[in-house]
Amino acid sequence: MTAASDFVELPWRGRRLRIEHRFVGDAASSLPTVVFLHEGLGSLAMWKDFPERLCAAHGLRGLVFSRYGYGRSSPRPPDERWPVRFMHEQALEVLPPLFDALGVERPWLFGHSDGGSIALLHAAHRPVTGLVVLAPHLFTEDMGIASIARAKVAYETTDLRSKLARYHADVDSAFRGWNDIWLDPAFRAWNIEAELDTIRCPVLAVQGEDDEYGTLEQIRAIARRVPGTELLVLADCGHSPHRDQPDRLIDVAGSFIRRA
């Protein structure tokens, strides 16, 4: 993504959040806007050209943005710690005013990892046209927590911090906000499975066979809760299908959106 980003300000808990965003794809598309929700270490820039490629291939309009605490959006204050329900807050307190401010109605939500969980939570409480979720989390797993713990070590001992700093104005805000709460013992009981029972839209759930942050039980749990859910399991693919298998994902996800 080389075009300049725009910013919108949202009221939130007595202060204003500045949210970095960009529209991509076909501005004249008559289909609902596809909103891209990044992972726990992601940002608008970290999607790179994937949103444009998906939208261009299928005649779609997309909205890409950096969530609060990420990219060039408002950073998390140093004394503010994400609560266990931080994904609920993002889904139910930040997304609705963002969509109102940008004129987005009944969108498609295209979420990755934590962004996939946020997409599911929003759809459980608000009207959306459909969902595409990549490697979402519904509950914690020992193997996923172990991978997050290794990420903390890498952040403190390798060049991971400098690599992430390319994508975040305040890299410590982005990393610590995500890493600290996922490694908090209180977060081990986090589980959103039951909340999915109210989802009434088409769902495509995608996961790589080699996902280091979650087992395939994560997307299988969606299929058990939401009738008609379509699953796509990708071989030779880790936690980020849009990076490991972009062409396959663009084909399947774009066709799903057009068909549904």
Protein backbone atom coordinates (compact mmCIF):
# COMPACT_ATOMS: atom_id res chain seq x y z
CA MET A 1 0.00 0.00 0.00
CA THR A 2 1.76 3.12 -1.20
CA ALA A 3 -1.09 5.64 -1.18
CA ALA A 4 -1.37 8.06 1.72
CA SER A 5 -3.61 7.14 4.63
CA ASP A 6 -6.46 9.24 5.95
CA PHE A 7 -7.37 9.75 9.59
CA VAL A 8 -10.68 9.96 11.41
CA GLU A 9 -11.25 10.89 15.05
CA LEU A 10 -13.65 8.93 17.24
CA PRO A 11 -14.92 9.69 20.75
CA TRP A 12 -13.99 6.90 23.14
CA ARG A 13 -14.20 6.87 26.94
CA GLY A 14 -13.73 10.56 27.43
CA ARG A 15 -10.99 11.03 24.88
CA ARG A 16 -10.61 10.93 21.11
CA LEU A 17 -8.99 8.14 19.13
CA ARG A 18 -7.24 8.97 15.87
CA ILE A 19 -7.70 6.04 13.48
CA GLU A 20 -5.52 5.56 10.40
CA HIS A 21 -7.49 4.17 7.46
CA ARG A 22 -7.58 3.84 3.69
CA PHE A 23 -10.22 2.81 1.14
CA VAL A 24 -9.01 0.52 -1.63
CA GLY A 25 -10.51 -1.18 -4.67
CA ASP A 26 -13.54 -0.19 -6.72
CA ALA A 27 -15.13 2.93 -5.24
CA ALA A 28 -18.16 2.42 -7.50
CA SER A 29 -18.80 -1.18 -6.40
CA SER A 30 -22.43 -1.84 -5.47
CA LEU A 31 -21.41 -4.64 -3.09
CA PRO A 32 -20.97 -4.05 0.65
CA THR A 33 -17.56 -2.76 1.73
CA VAL A 34 -15.03 -5.38 2.84
CA VAL A 35 -13.41 -4.28 6.11
CA PHE A 36 -9.98 -5.75 6.85
CA LEU A 37 -9.19 -6.37 10.53
CA HIS A 38 -5.54 -7.09 11.25
CA GLU A 39 -3.91 -9.45 13.75
CA GLY A 40 -2.47 -8.66 17.18
CA LEU A 41 0.84 -7.38 15.80
CA GLY A 42 -0.56 -6.02 12.53
CA SER A 43 -1.49 -2.66 11.07
CA LEU A 44 -2.78 -1.11 7.88
CA ALA A 45 0.72 -1.26 6.37
CA MET A 46 1.33 -4.88 7.36
CA TRP A 47 -1.48 -6.05 5.07
CA LYS A 48 0.81 -4.79 2.24
CA ASP A 49 -0.95 -5.17 -1.13
CA PHE A 50 -3.26 -8.06 -0.21
CA PRO A 51 -6.45 -5.97 0.24
CA GLU A 52 -5.94 -4.22 -3.12
CA ARG A 53 -5.28 -7.52 -4.87
CA LEU A 54 -8.40 -9.15 -3.43
CA CYS A 55 -10.60 -6.16 -4.24
CA ALA A 56 -9.18 -5.71 -7.75
CA ALA A 57 -9.66 -9.39 -8.59
CA HIS A 58 -13.34 -9.39 -7.60
CA GLY A 59 -14.59 -5.83 -8.15
CA LEU A 60 -14.85 -5.02 -4.45
CA ARG A 61 -14.38 -1.92 -2.32
CA GLY A 62 -12.29 -2.37 0.82
CA LEU A 63 -11.56 -0.47 4.02
CA VAL A 64 -8.20 -1.10 5.69
CA PHE A 65 -7.33 0.52 9.01
CA SER A 66 -4.99 0.28 11.98
CA ARG A 67 -6.79 -0.59 15.17
CA TYR A 68 -6.35 1.57 18.26
CA GLY A 69 -2.81 1.01 19.53
CA TYR A 70 -1.37 0.01 16.16
CA GLY A 71 0.20 1.48 13.04
CA ARG A 72 -0.24 5.25 13.02
CA SER A 73 -3.51 5.18 14.95
CA SER A 74 -3.56 6.52 18.50
CA PRO A 75 -1.10 4.53 20.64
CA ARG A 76 -2.08 2.88 23.87
CA PRO A 77 -1.04 5.08 26.82
CA PRO A 78 1.87 3.55 28.78
CA ASP A 79 -0.27 3.07 31.89
CA GLU A 80 -3.18 1.44 30.02
CA ARG A 81 -3.26 -2.34 29.91
CA TRP A 82 -5.58 -4.24 27.58
CA PRO A 83 -8.29 -5.99 29.66
CA VAL A 84 -9.28 -9.62 29.13
CA ARG A 85 -12.26 -8.36 27.13
CA PHE A 86 -10.18 -6.10 24.87
CA MET A 87 -11.47 -7.81 21.72
CA HIS A 88 -15.05 -7.21 22.86
CA GLU A 89 -14.20 -3.53 23.33
CA GLN A 90 -12.71 -3.30 19.84
CA ALA A 91 -15.70 -5.10 18.31
CA LEU A 92 -18.51 -3.32 20.14
CA GLU A 93 -17.15 0.08 21.21
CA VAL A 94 -14.72 1.08 18.44
CA LEU A 95 -16.03 -0.51 15.23
CA PRO A 96 -19.60 0.92 15.38
CA PRO A 97 -18.53 4.60 15.61
CA LEU A 98 -15.79 3.99 13.03
CA PHE A 99 -18.33 2.60 10.57
CA ASP A 100 -20.74 5.46 11.29
CA ALA A 101 -18.00 8.04 10.73
CA LEU A 102 -16.93 6.48 7.42
CA GLY A 103 -20.42 5.65 6.10
CA VAL A 104 -19.94 1.89 6.13
CA GLU A 105 -23.15 -0.14 6.44
CA ARG A 106 -23.56 -3.91 6.88
CA PRO A 107 -19.98 -4.65 5.78
CA TRP A 108 -18.18 -7.83 5.01
CA LEU A 109 -15.63 -8.36 7.78
CA PHE A 110 -12.32 -9.92 6.76
CA GLY A 111 -10.37 -10.59 9.93
CA HIS A 112 -7.05 -12.26 10.70
CA SER A 113 -6.15 -13.82 14.08
CA ASP A 114 -7.28 -11.37 16.81
CA GLY A 115 -8.97 -9.46 13.97
CA GLY A 116 -10.91 -12.61 13.11
CA SER A 117 -12.09 -12.90 16.70
CA ILE A 118 -13.13 -9.23 16.67
CA ALA A 119 -15.04 -9.83 13.43
CA LEU A 120 -16.92 -12.76 14.96
CA LEU A 121 -17.79 -10.77 18.09
CA HIS A 122 -19.04 -7.82 16.07
CA ALA A 123 -21.19 -10.08 13.88
CA ALA A 124 -22.66 -11.74 16.98
CA HIS A 125 -24.08 -8.37 18.08
CA ARG A 126 -24.35 -6.17 14.98
CA PRO A 127 -25.69 -6.67 11.43
CA VAL A 128 -23.06 -7.58 8.84
CA THR A 129 -23.33 -9.06 5.36
CA GLY A 130 -20.81 -11.83 5.93
CA LEU A 131 -17.51 -12.94 7.45
CA VAL A 132 -14.18 -14.23 6.22
CA VAL A 133 -11.99 -15.12 9.20
CA LEU A 134 -8.37 -16.28 8.94
CA ALA A 135 -6.89 -18.21 11.87
CA PRO A 136 -9.34 -16.71 14.40
CA HIS A 137 -9.18 -17.44 18.12
CA LEU A 138 -12.23 -18.70 19.99
CA PHE A 139 -10.37 -19.94 23.07
CA THR A 140 -6.81 -20.25 24.32
CA GLU A 141 -4.66 -23.31 23.70
CA ASP A 142 -1.39 -24.34 25.33
CA MET A 143 0.47 -24.43 22.02
CA GLY A 144 -0.73 -20.96 21.10
CA ILE A 145 0.28 -19.48 24.45
CA ALA A 146 3.70 -21.11 24.09
CA SER A 147 4.14 -19.44 20.69
CA ILE A 148 3.18 -16.07 22.17
CA ALA A 149 5.70 -16.58 24.98
CA ARG A 150 8.39 -17.28 22.37
CA ALA A 151 7.40 -14.08 20.58
CA LYS A 152 8.10 -12.15 23.79
CA VAL A 153 11.59 -13.63 24.01
CA ALA A 154 12.21 -12.81 20.34
CA TYR A 155 11.01 -9.23 20.84
CA GLU A 156 13.46 -8.76 23.72
CA THR A 157 16.48 -10.58 22.27
CA THR A 158 16.37 -10.42 18.45
CA ASP A 159 15.68 -7.90 15.70
CA LEU A 160 11.92 -8.53 15.88
CA ARG A 161 11.35 -5.17 17.57
CA SER A 162 13.14 -3.24 14.82
CA LYS A 163 11.25 -5.16 12.12
CA LEU A 164 7.88 -4.38 13.70
CA ALA A 165 8.90 -0.74 14.18
CA ARG A 166 8.60 -0.29 10.40
CA TYR A 167 4.84 -0.72 10.74
CA HIS A 168 4.02 1.02 14.04
CA ALA A 169 4.61 4.58 15.21
CA ASP A 170 4.80 3.22 18.78
CA VAL A 171 6.01 -0.35 18.47
CA ASP A 172 6.07 -0.99 22.23
CA SER A 173 2.41 0.04 22.47
CA ALA A 174 1.51 -2.44 19.75
CA PHE A 175 3.58 -5.36 21.02
CA ARG A 176 3.07 -5.02 24.76
CA GLY A 177 -0.65 -4.39 24.45
CA TRP A 178 -1.09 -7.72 22.66
CA ASN A 179 1.59 -9.81 24.35
CA ASP A 180 0.98 -8.79 27.96
CA ILE A 181 -2.71 -9.68 28.00
CA TRP A 182 -2.34 -12.94 26.09
CA LEU A 183 0.28 -14.07 28.64
CA ASP A 184 -1.75 -12.91 31.64
CA PRO A 185 -2.96 -15.97 33.63
CA ALA A 186 -6.44 -14.41 33.75
CA PHE A 187 -6.65 -14.66 29.96
CA ARG A 188 -6.45 -18.46 30.00
CA ALA A 189 -10.20 -18.65 30.72
CA TRP A 190 -11.10 -16.41 27.74
CA ASN A 191 -13.62 -18.16 25.48
CA ILE A 192 -16.11 -16.71 22.98
CA GLU A 193 -17.63 -19.94 21.59
CA ALA A 194 -21.10 -19.44 23.07
CA GLU A 195 -21.37 -15.91 21.67
CA LEU A 196 -21.23 -17.23 18.12
CA ASP A 197 -24.69 -18.79 18.40
CA THR A 198 -26.33 -15.50 17.35
CA ILE A 199 -24.39 -15.14 14.07
CA ARG A 200 -26.78 -15.35 11.11
CA CYS A 201 -24.60 -14.47 8.11
CA PRO A 202 -22.42 -16.45 5.67
CA VAL A 203 -19.06 -17.43 7.19
CA LEU A 204 -15.86 -18.65 5.55
CA ALA A 205 -13.29 -19.78 8.14
CA VAL A 206 -9.73 -20.32 6.91
CA GLN A 207 -6.74 -21.84 8.66
CA GLY A 208 -3.34 -23.24 7.74
CA GLU A 209 -2.41 -26.79 8.68
CA ASP A 210 0.86 -25.48 10.13
CA ASP A 211 -0.64 -22.66 12.21
CA GLU A 212 1.67 -22.17 15.20
CA TYR A 213 -0.89 -20.17 17.20
CA GLY A 214 -3.92 -22.45 17.09
CA THR A 215 -5.16 -25.89 16.08
CA LEU A 216 -7.84 -26.59 13.49
CA GLU A 217 -10.24 -27.01 16.39
CA GLN A 218 -10.57 -23.21 16.34
CA ILE A 219 -12.36 -23.09 12.98
CA ARG A 220 -14.14 -26.41 13.53
CA ALA A 221 -15.73 -24.85 16.61
CA ILE A 222 -17.16 -22.10 14.40
CA ALA A 223 -18.72 -24.68 12.09
CA ARG A 224 -20.38 -26.38 15.07
CA ARG A 225 -21.89 -23.09 16.24
CA VAL A 226 -22.81 -21.36 12.97
CA PRO A 227 -24.80 -23.50 10.52
CA GLY A 228 -23.61 -23.32 6.93
CA THR A 229 -20.07 -22.21 7.80
CA GLU A 230 -17.61 -23.11 5.05
CA LEU A 231 -14.12 -24.23 6.08
CA LEU A 232 -10.93 -23.89 4.08
CA VAL A 233 -7.88 -25.72 5.42
CA LEU A 234 -4.66 -24.81 3.60
CA ALA A 235 -1.64 -27.09 3.32
CA ASP A 236 1.85 -25.58 3.55
CA CYS A 237 0.38 -22.64 5.42
CA GLY A 238 1.05 -21.19 8.86
CA HIS A 239 -0.79 -18.56 10.89
CA SER A 240 -1.07 -16.03 8.02
CA PRO A 241 -2.89 -17.46 4.98
CA HIS A 242 -2.83 -14.07 3.21
CA ARG A 243 0.97 -14.22 3.26
CA ASP A 244 1.57 -17.94 2.79
CA GLN A 245 -1.17 -18.71 0.25
CA PRO A 246 -2.36 -15.33 -1.10
CA ASP A 247 -3.41 -16.47 -4.59
CA ARG A 248 -5.48 -19.37 -3.28
CA LEU A 249 -7.07 -17.17 -0.63
CA ILE A 250 -7.90 -14.39 -3.09
CA ASP A 251 -9.60 -16.91 -5.36
CA VAL A 252 -11.63 -18.70 -2.69
CA ALA A 253 -12.46 -15.76 -0.43
CA GLY A 254 -13.33 -13.40 -3.29
CA SER A 255 -15.55 -16.01 -4.91
CA PHE A 256 -17.25 -16.68 -1.56
CA ILE A 257 -17.99 -12.98 -1.08
CA ARG A 258 -19.38 -12.60 -4.61
CA ARG A 259 -21.47 -15.76 -4.33
CA ALA A 260 -22.83 -15.14 -0.85
